Amino acid sequence: MWLRLRQICLVAQELEPVEKQLIEVLGIDVCFRD
């Protein structure tokens, strides 16, 4: 089964460590941060 992830909404007290983990695990880059 193939899944296309289009958006992630993430709320974290400290964003940078969580962002780094997601990049490592999912192998993706951040394209937009609001």
N, C-alpha and C. Protein backbone atom coordinates (compact mmCIF):
# COMPACT_ATOMS: atom_id res chain seq x y z
N MET A 1 0.85 -1.19 0.00
CA MET A 1 0.00 0.00 0.00
C MET A 1 0.89 1.24 0.00
N TRP A 2 0.52 2.21 -0.83
CA TRP A 2 1.30 3.43 -0.97
C TRP A 2 0.51 4.59 -0.37
N LEU A 3 1.17 5.44 0.42
CA LEU A 3 0.50 6.55 1.09
C LEU A 3 1.21 7.85 0.74
N ARG A 4 0.45 8.84 0.35
CA ARG A 4 1.02 10.16 0.06
C ARG A 4 0.64 11.09 1.20
N LEU A 5 1.65 11.60 1.90
CA LEU A 5 1.44 12.51 3.01
C LEU A 5 1.52 13.93 2.48
N ARG A 6 0.43 14.68 2.61
CA ARG A 6 0.39 16.02 2.04
C ARG A 6 0.62 17.09 3.08
N GLN A 7 0.15 16.88 4.31
CA GLN A 7 0.30 17.89 5.34
C GLN A 7 0.49 17.24 6.70
N ILE A 8 1.26 17.91 7.53
CA ILE A 8 1.38 17.52 8.93
C ILE A 8 1.18 18.79 9.75
N CYS A 9 0.33 18.71 10.74
CA CYS A 9 0.17 19.81 11.69
C CYS A 9 0.86 19.35 12.97
N LEU A 10 1.87 20.07 13.40
CA LEU A 10 2.67 19.66 14.54
C LEU A 10 2.69 20.77 15.58
N VAL A 11 2.39 20.41 16.81
CA VAL A 11 2.48 21.34 17.93
C VAL A 11 3.43 20.74 18.95
N ALA A 12 4.47 21.47 19.30
CA ALA A 12 5.46 20.97 20.26
C ALA A 12 6.02 22.13 21.05
N GLN A 13 6.37 21.84 22.28
CA GLN A 13 6.95 22.88 23.13
C GLN A 13 8.29 23.33 22.56
N GLU A 14 9.09 22.37 22.08
CA GLU A 14 10.36 22.67 21.42
C GLU A 14 10.32 22.02 20.04
N LEU A 15 10.15 22.82 19.02
CA LEU A 15 9.92 22.31 17.67
C LEU A 15 11.16 21.69 17.02
N GLU A 16 12.31 22.30 17.20
CA GLU A 16 13.50 21.86 16.47
C GLU A 16 13.88 20.39 16.69
N PRO A 17 13.93 19.87 17.94
CA PRO A 17 14.28 18.45 18.10
C PRO A 17 13.25 17.51 17.47
N VAL A 18 11.98 17.86 17.56
CA VAL A 18 10.93 17.03 16.98
C VAL A 18 11.03 17.07 15.46
N GLU A 19 11.28 18.25 14.93
CA GLU A 19 11.44 18.40 13.48
C GLU A 19 12.60 17.55 12.97
N LYS A 20 13.72 17.56 13.67
CA LYS A 20 14.89 16.77 13.28
C LYS A 20 14.56 15.28 13.27
N GLN A 21 13.82 14.82 14.27
CA GLN A 21 13.44 13.41 14.33
C GLN A 21 12.55 13.02 13.16
N LEU A 22 11.59 13.87 12.83
CA LEU A 22 10.70 13.58 11.70
C LEU A 22 11.47 13.53 10.39
N ILE A 23 12.42 14.43 10.23
CA ILE A 23 13.24 14.45 9.01
C ILE A 23 14.04 13.15 8.91
N GLU A 24 14.61 12.69 10.03
CA GLU A 24 15.39 11.45 10.03
C GLU A 24 14.51 10.24 9.74
N VAL A 25 13.37 10.15 10.42
CA VAL A 25 12.51 8.97 10.31
C VAL A 25 11.81 8.91 8.96
N LEU A 26 11.26 10.03 8.51
CA LEU A 26 10.48 10.04 7.28
C LEU A 26 11.31 10.33 6.03
N GLY A 27 12.52 10.86 6.23
CA GLY A 27 13.37 11.16 5.08
C GLY A 27 12.82 12.29 4.22
N ILE A 28 12.25 13.30 4.88
CA ILE A 28 11.66 14.43 4.15
C ILE A 28 12.27 15.73 4.62
N ASP A 29 12.05 16.80 3.88
CA ASP A 29 12.49 18.13 4.28
C ASP A 29 11.28 18.97 4.63
N VAL A 30 11.50 19.99 5.44
CA VAL A 30 10.43 20.93 5.76
C VAL A 30 10.26 21.86 4.57
N CYS A 31 9.04 21.96 4.06
CA CYS A 31 8.82 22.84 2.91
C CYS A 31 8.15 24.14 3.32
N PHE A 32 7.47 24.15 4.46
CA PHE A 32 6.80 25.37 4.92
C PHE A 32 6.63 25.30 6.42
N ARG A 33 6.91 26.40 7.09
CA ARG A 33 6.71 26.48 8.54
C ARG A 33 5.98 27.78 8.82
N ASP A 34 4.90 27.71 9.56
CA ASP A 34 4.09 28.89 9.86
C ASP A 34 4.17 29.22 11.31
